Amino acid sequence: MAKNPTKIPVSDLKQDASATLKRVRKSKRPFIVTQRGKPAAVLLSVDAYEKGEHERDILKLLALGEKEIAAGKGCDLDDVLAEADALLSKA
């Protein structure tokens, strides 16, 4: 999360949601929506959300790969590259 995320009271969001959404899209940073002065939700653009989801997917795959390597289930890099080269030469 950003070091100093923008905070917006839920009342401001209710009052002018369209302008708030424009600010979120333009800033490309998360906004913290507060209720009674306390953080209640995070508002972010679709692009920022999708980027975060993509990054989480990559991290999950890396963690899975680490577990497979630790369990001795990993494949040798040279074998994988050779298989990829073989598949690409057929195309």
Foldseek 3Di string as FASTA:
>chain_A
DDPDAAEDEVVVCVVCVPVVLVVQVVVQTWYFYDYPRHGDDIDHDPVNVVVVVVVVVVVVVVVVQVVCVVVVNDDDPVVVVVVVVVVVVVD
